PDB file of N, CA and C in Angstrom:
ATOM      1  N   MET A   1     -24.390 -12.838 -20.457  1.00  0.00           N
ATOM      2  CA  MET A   1     -24.506 -11.415 -20.144  1.00  0.00           C
ATOM      3  C   MET A   1     -25.167 -11.281 -18.689  1.00  0.00           C
ATOM      4  N   SER A   2     -24.346 -10.279 -18.103  1.00  0.00           N
ATOM      5  CA  SER A   2     -24.785 -10.485 -16.497  1.00  0.00           C
ATOM      6  C   SER A   2     -26.199  -9.282 -16.446  1.00  0.00           C
ATOM      7  N   SER A   3     -26.876  -9.418 -15.321  1.00  0.00           N
ATOM      8  CA  SER A   3     -27.920  -8.655 -14.933  1.00  0.00           C
ATOM      9  C   SER A   3     -27.469  -7.249 -14.637  1.00  0.00           C
ATOM     10  N   ARG A   4     -28.273  -6.318 -14.812  1.00  0.00           N
ATOM     11  CA  ARG A   4     -28.123  -5.199 -14.264  1.00  0.00           C
ATOM     12  C   ARG A   4     -28.810  -4.483 -13.156  1.00  0.00           C
ATOM     13  N   THR A   5     -28.401  -3.499 -12.692  1.00  0.00           N
ATOM     14  CA  THR A   5     -29.016  -2.863 -11.623  1.00  0.00           C
ATOM     15  C   THR A   5     -28.583  -1.516 -11.465  1.00  0.00           C
ATOM     16  N   THR A   6     -29.371  -0.834 -10.643  1.00  0.00           N
ATOM     17  CA  THR A   6     -29.291   0.616 -10.522  1.00  0.00           C
ATOM     18  C   THR A   6     -28.863   0.974  -9.147  1.00  0.00           C
ATOM     19  N   ILE A   7     -27.742   1.783  -8.948  1.00  0.00           N
ATOM     20  CA  ILE A   7     -27.625   2.303  -7.526  1.00  0.00           C
ATOM     21  C   ILE A   7     -27.719   3.999  -7.709  1.00  0.00           C
ATOM     22  N   GLN A   8     -27.894   4.286  -6.422  1.00  0.00           N
ATOM     23  CA  GLN A   8     -28.140   5.868  -6.223  1.00  0.00           C
ATOM     24  C   GLN A   8     -26.885   6.501  -5.307  1.00  0.00           C
ATOM     25  N   VAL A   9     -26.388   7.439  -6.331  1.00  0.00           N
ATOM     26  CA  VAL A   9     -25.331   8.110  -5.835  1.00  0.00           C
ATOM     27  C   VAL A   9     -25.801   9.690  -5.725  1.00  0.00           C
ATOM     28  N   ASP A  10     -24.940  10.622  -4.945  1.00  0.00           N
ATOM     29  CA  ASP A  10     -25.242  12.050  -5.091  1.00  0.00           C
ATOM     30  C   ASP A  10     -24.376  12.669  -6.310  1.00  0.00           C
ATOM     31  N   ARG A  11     -24.698  13.674  -6.882  1.00  0.00           N
ATOM     32  CA  ARG A  11     -24.173  14.056  -8.098  1.00  0.00           C
ATOM     33  C   ARG A  11     -22.685  14.057  -8.130  1.00  0.00           C
ATOM     34  N   GLU A  12     -22.166  14.957  -6.841  1.00  0.00           N
ATOM     35  CA  GLU A  12     -20.590  14.854  -6.685  1.00  0.00           C
ATOM     36  C   GLU A  12     -19.760  13.859  -6.884  1.00  0.00           C
ATOM     37  N   THR A  13     -20.593  12.632  -6.063  1.00  0.00           N
ATOM     38  CA  THR A  13     -19.792  11.263  -6.441  1.00  0.00           C
ATOM     39  C   THR A  13     -19.720  10.964  -7.917  1.00  0.00           C
ATOM     40  N   LEU A  14     -21.135  11.080  -8.696  1.00  0.00           N
ATOM     41  CA  LEU A  14     -21.065  10.649 -10.023  1.00  0.00           C
ATOM     42  C   LEU A  14     -20.117  11.660 -10.582  1.00  0.00           C
ATOM     43  N   SER A  15     -19.775  12.836 -10.424  1.00  0.00           N
ATOM     44  CA  SER A  15     -18.929  13.521 -11.405  1.00  0.00           C
ATOM     45  C   SER A  15     -17.394  13.011 -10.842  1.00  0.00           C
ATOM     46  N   ILE A  16     -17.218  12.611  -9.760  1.00  0.00           N
ATOM     47  CA  ILE A  16     -16.019  11.887  -9.346  1.00  0.00           C
ATOM     48  C   ILE A  16     -15.883  10.490 -10.323  1.00  0.00           C
ATOM     49  N   LEU A  17     -16.678   9.759 -10.322  1.00  0.00           N
ATOM     50  CA  LEU A  17     -16.588   8.507 -11.069  1.00  0.00           C
ATOM     51  C   LEU A  17     -16.642   8.628 -12.301  1.00  0.00           C
ATOM     52  N   GLU A  18     -17.162   9.592 -13.010  1.00  0.00           N
ATOM     53  CA  GLU A  18     -17.095  10.030 -14.485  1.00  0.00           C
ATOM     54  C   GLU A  18     -15.664  10.536 -14.679  1.00  0.00           C
ATOM     55  N   ARG A  19     -14.873  11.312 -14.266  1.00  0.00           N
ATOM     56  CA  ARG A  19     -13.840  11.654 -14.526  1.00  0.00           C
ATOM     57  C   ARG A  19     -12.711  10.669 -14.162  1.00  0.00           C
ATOM     58  N   TYR A  20     -12.911   9.700 -13.257  1.00  0.00           N
ATOM     59  CA  TYR A  20     -12.010   8.267 -12.925  1.00  0.00           C
ATOM     60  C   TYR A  20     -12.179   7.568 -14.049  1.00  0.00           C
ATOM     61  N   LYS A  21     -13.498   7.479 -14.724  1.00  0.00           N
ATOM     62  CA  LYS A  21     -13.739   6.359 -15.819  1.00  0.00           C
ATOM     63  C   LYS A  21     -13.046   6.945 -16.890  1.00  0.00           C
ATOM     64  N   LYS A  22     -13.036   8.123 -17.067  1.00  0.00           N
ATOM     65  CA  LYS A  22     -12.615   8.788 -18.300  1.00  0.00           C
ATOM     66  C   LYS A  22     -11.189   8.682 -18.154  1.00  0.00           C
ATOM     67  N   GLU A  23     -10.463   9.165 -17.075  1.00  0.00           N
ATOM     68  CA  GLU A  23      -9.022   9.218 -17.013  1.00  0.00           C
ATOM     69  C   GLU A  23      -8.538   7.811 -17.030  1.00  0.00           C
ATOM     70  N   MET A  24      -9.008   6.867 -16.705  1.00  0.00           N
ATOM     71  CA  MET A  24      -8.295   5.264 -16.866  1.00  0.00           C
ATOM     72  C   MET A  24      -9.082   4.761 -18.039  1.00  0.00           C
ATOM     73  N   ALA A  25      -9.631   5.341 -18.852  1.00  0.00           N
ATOM     74  CA  ALA A  25     -10.391   4.852 -20.088  1.00  0.00           C
ATOM     75  C   ALA A  25     -11.160   3.288 -19.767  1.00  0.00           C
ATOM     76  N   PHE A  26     -11.713   3.386 -18.898  1.00  0.00           N
ATOM     77  CA  PHE A  26     -12.471   2.429 -18.664  1.00  0.00           C
ATOM     78  C   PHE A  26     -13.869   2.372 -19.810  1.00  0.00           C
ATOM     79  N   ARG A  27     -14.313   1.347 -19.919  1.00  0.00           N
ATOM     80  CA  ARG A  27     -15.556   1.125 -20.864  1.00  0.00           C
ATOM     81  C   ARG A  27     -16.872   1.526 -20.111  1.00  0.00           C
ATOM     82  N   ASN A  28     -16.758   1.473 -18.982  1.00  0.00           N
ATOM     83  CA  ASN A  28     -18.120   1.609 -18.264  1.00  0.00           C
ATOM     84  C   ASN A  28     -17.852   1.860 -16.755  1.00  0.00           C
ATOM     85  N   TYR A  29     -19.238   1.949 -15.823  1.00  0.00           N
ATOM     86  CA  TYR A  29     -18.690   2.371 -14.609  1.00  0.00           C
ATOM     87  C   TYR A  29     -18.455   1.190 -13.923  1.00  0.00           C
ATOM     88  N   SER A  30     -18.850   0.185 -14.202  1.00  0.00           N
ATOM     89  CA  SER A  30     -18.803  -1.129 -13.426  1.00  0.00           C
ATOM     90  C   SER A  30     -17.166  -1.358 -13.575  1.00  0.00           C
ATOM     91  N   GLU A  31     -16.611  -1.121 -14.608  1.00  0.00           N
ATOM     92  CA  GLU A  31     -15.194  -1.474 -14.416  1.00  0.00           C
ATOM     93  C   GLU A  31     -14.476  -0.598 -13.520  1.00  0.00           C
ATOM     94  N   ALA A  32     -14.819   0.777 -13.558  1.00  0.00           N
ATOM     95  CA  ALA A  32     -14.486   1.675 -12.977  1.00  0.00           C
ATOM     96  C   ALA A  32     -14.514   1.326 -11.288  1.00  0.00           C
ATOM     97  N   ILE A  33     -15.663   1.164 -10.967  1.00  0.00           N
ATOM     98  CA  ILE A  33     -15.978   0.622  -9.611  1.00  0.00           C
ATOM     99  C   ILE A  33     -15.283  -0.582  -9.031  1.00  0.00           C
ATOM    100  N   ARG A  34     -15.176  -1.672  -9.994  1.00  0.00           N
ATOM    101  CA  ARG A  34     -14.353  -2.826  -9.750  1.00  0.00           C
ATOM    102  C   ARG A  34     -12.674  -2.438  -9.221  1.00  0.00           C
ATOM    103  N   ARG A  35     -12.215  -1.911 -10.232  1.00  0.00           N
ATOM    104  CA  ARG A  35     -10.809  -1.187  -9.764  1.00  0.00           C
ATOM    105  C   ARG A  35     -10.611  -0.424  -8.634  1.00  0.00           C
ATOM    106  N   LEU A  36     -11.835   0.332  -8.347  1.00  0.00           N
ATOM    107  CA  LEU A  36     -11.304   1.244  -7.120  1.00  0.00           C
ATOM    108  C   LEU A  36     -11.474   0.046  -5.923  1.00  0.00           C
ATOM    109  N   LEU A  37     -12.267  -0.796  -5.931  1.00  0.00           N
ATOM    110  CA  LEU A  37     -12.423  -1.933  -4.853  1.00  0.00           C
ATOM    111  C   LEU A  37     -11.175  -2.574  -4.685  1.00  0.00           C
ATOM    112  N   GLN A  38     -10.447  -3.058  -5.879  1.00  0.00           N
ATOM    113  CA  GLN A  38      -9.629  -3.643  -5.859  1.00  0.00           C
ATOM    114  C   GLN A  38      -8.297  -3.151  -5.000  1.00  0.00           C
ATOM    115  N   GLU A  39      -8.179  -1.937  -5.864  1.00  0.00           N
ATOM    116  CA  GLU A  39      -7.261  -0.986  -4.981  1.00  0.00           C
ATOM    117  C   GLU A  39      -7.571  -0.592  -3.375  1.00  0.00           C
ATOM    118  N   SER A  40      -8.588  -0.753  -3.258  1.00  0.00           N
ATOM    119  CA  SER A  40      -8.970  -0.408  -1.848  1.00  0.00           C
ATOM    120  C   SER A  40      -8.435  -1.611  -1.198  1.00  0.00           C
ATOM    121  N   LYS A  41      -8.317  -2.905  -1.349  1.00  0.00           N
ATOM    122  CA  LYS A  41      -7.970  -3.901  -0.566  1.00  0.00           C
ATOM    123  C   LYS A  41      -6.520  -4.041  -0.636  1.00  0.00           C
ATOM    124  N   LYS A  42      -5.525  -3.204  -1.475  1.00  0.00           N
ATOM    125  CA  LYS A  42      -4.307  -3.622  -1.803  1.00  0.00           C
ATOM    126  C   LYS A  42      -3.702  -2.517  -0.286  1.00  0.00           C
ATOM    127  N   VAL A  43      -2.409  -3.394   0.393  1.00  0.00           N
ATOM    128  CA  VAL A  43      -1.648  -2.658   1.461  1.00  0.00           C
ATOM    129  C   VAL A  43      -0.752  -1.701   0.710  1.00  0.00           C
ATOM    130  N   PRO A  44      -0.793  -0.308   0.919  1.00  0.00           N
ATOM    131  CA  PRO A  44       0.299   0.337   0.380  1.00  0.00           C
ATOM    132  C   PRO A  44       1.705  -0.122   0.881  1.00  0.00           C
ATOM    133  N   LYS A  45       2.816   0.208   0.007  1.00  0.00           N
ATOM    134  CA  LYS A  45       4.154  -0.208   0.431  1.00  0.00           C
ATOM    135  C   LYS A  45       4.560   0.254   1.610  1.00  0.00           C
ATOM    136  N   SER A  46       4.022   1.742   1.949  1.00  0.00           N
ATOM    137  CA  SER A  46       4.538   2.424   2.908  1.00  0.00           C
ATOM    138  C   SER A  46       4.254   1.522   4.461  1.00  0.00           C
ATOM    139  N   GLU A  47       2.997   1.021   4.225  1.00  0.00           N
ATOM    140  CA  GLU A  47       2.319   0.168   5.161  1.00  0.00           C
ATOM    141  C   GLU A  47       2.975  -1.242   5.634  1.00  0.00           C
ATOM    142  N   LYS A  48       3.945  -1.447   4.652  1.00  0.00           N
ATOM    143  CA  LYS A  48       4.531  -2.789   4.947  1.00  0.00           C
ATOM    144  C   LYS A  48       5.777  -2.835   5.822  1.00  0.00           C
ATOM    145  N   GLY A  49       6.002  -1.679   6.294  1.00  0.00           N
ATOM    146  CA  GLY A  49       7.133  -1.765   7.352  1.00  0.00           C
ATOM    147  C   GLY A  49       8.421  -0.976   6.492  1.00  0.00           C
ATOM    148  N   SER A  50       9.365  -0.497   7.350  1.00  0.00           N
ATOM    149  CA  SER A  50      10.422   0.308   6.790  1.00  0.00           C
ATOM    150  C   SER A  50      11.557  -0.821   6.285  1.00  0.00           C
ATOM    151  N   LEU A  51      11.552  -2.163   6.627  1.00  0.00           N
ATOM    152  CA  LEU A  51      12.246  -3.239   6.205  1.00  0.00           C
ATOM    153  C   LEU A  51      11.459  -4.549   5.904  1.00  0.00           C
ATOM    154  N   PRO A  52      11.129  -4.228   4.421  1.00  0.00           N
ATOM    155  CA  PRO A  52      10.358  -5.619   4.188  1.00  0.00           C
ATOM    156  C   PRO A  52      10.901  -6.943   3.823  1.00  0.00           C
ATOM    157  N   LYS A  53      12.213  -6.792   3.466  1.00  0.00           N
ATOM    158  CA  LYS A  53      13.343  -7.812   3.172  1.00  0.00           C
ATOM    159  C   LYS A  53      13.631  -8.733   4.613  1.00  0.00           C
ATOM    160  N   LEU A  54      13.391  -8.117   5.926  1.00  0.00           N
ATOM    161  CA  LEU A  54      13.933  -8.429   7.045  1.00  0.00           C
ATOM    162  C   LEU A  54      13.321  -9.935   7.354  1.00  0.00           C
ATOM    163  N   GLU A  55      14.025 -10.998   7.537  1.00  0.00           N
ATOM    164  CA  GLU A  55      13.382 -12.205   7.688  1.00  0.00           C
ATOM    165  C   GLU A  55      12.496 -12.511   9.119  1.00  0.00           C
ATOM    166  N   PRO A  56      11.540 -13.024   9.088  1.00  0.00           N
ATOM    167  CA  PRO A  56      10.628 -13.053  10.435  1.00  0.00           C
ATOM    168  C   PRO A  56      11.313 -13.300  11.483  1.00  0.00           C
ATOM    169  N   PHE A  57      11.136 -13.142  12.713  1.00  0.00           N
ATOM    170  CA  PHE A  57      11.622 -13.498  13.897  1.00  0.00           C
ATOM    171  C   PHE A  57      11.520 -14.810  14.208  1.00  0.00           C
ATOM    172  N   LYS A  58      12.705 -15.337  14.760  1.00  0.00           N
ATOM    173  CA  LYS A  58      12.845 -16.951  15.188  1.00  0.00           C
ATOM    174  C   LYS A  58      13.444 -17.045  16.490  1.00  0.00           C
ATOM    175  N   ARG A  59      12.720 -17.769  17.362  1.00  0.00           N
ATOM    176  CA  ARG A  59      13.400 -17.829  18.673  1.00  0.00           C
ATOM    177  C   ARG A  59      14.573 -18.943  18.717  1.00  0.00           C
ATOM    178  N   GLU A  60      15.140 -18.753  19.490  1.00  0.00           N
ATOM    179  CA  GLU A  60      16.679 -19.487  19.615  1.00  0.00           C
ATOM    180  C   GLU A  60      16.258 -20.716  20.063  1.00  0.00           C
ATOM    181  N   LYS A  61      17.099 -22.131  19.716  1.00  0.00           N
ATOM    182  CA  LYS A  61      16.450 -23.300  20.129  1.00  0.00           C
ATOM    183  C   LYS A  61      16.957 -23.251  21.410  1.00  0.00           C
ATOM    184  N   ILE A  62      17.879 -22.831  22.401  1.00  0.00           N
ATOM    185  CA  ILE A  62      18.126 -22.786  23.707  1.00  0.00           C
ATOM    186  C   ILE A  62      17.511 -21.394  24.574  1.00  0.00           C
ATOM    187  N   ASP A  63      16.591 -21.712  25.325  1.00  0.00           N
ATOM    188  CA  ASP A  63      15.883 -20.721  26.124  1.00  0.00           C
ATOM    189  C   ASP A  63      16.888 -20.192  27.049  1.00  0.00           C
ATOM    190  N   ARG A  64      17.472 -18.983  27.334  1.00  0.00           N
ATOM    191  CA  ARG A  64      18.276 -18.302  28.057  1.00  0.00           C
ATOM    192  C   ARG A  64      17.654 -18.518  29.585  1.00  0.00           C
ATOM    193  N   PHE A  65      16.564 -18.696  30.239  1.00  0.00           N
ATOM    194  CA  PHE A  65      15.757 -18.682  31.351  1.00  0.00           C
ATOM    195  C   PHE A  65      15.770 -20.267  31.878  1.00  0.00           C
ATOM    196  N   ALA A  66      16.088 -20.900  31.192  1.00  0.00           N
ATOM    197  CA  ALA A  66      15.866 -22.634  31.499  1.00  0.00           C
ATOM    198  C   ALA A  66      16.918 -22.937  32.507  1.00  0.00           C
TER     199      ALA A  66
END
């Protein structure tokens, strides 16, 4: 069993967290916070570029200016 602690948040933040917890059916606030943190680290698909299947740039073996 993990140790527990208390954090301070304002009432508006608590209200938002309560709604999120209920919508996502989490058992506790810890699960909700962990999920929010995981999601915040993901890069949205829209930020991966318009051509995600494009192969990386590779320089030609023969340099034109040699």
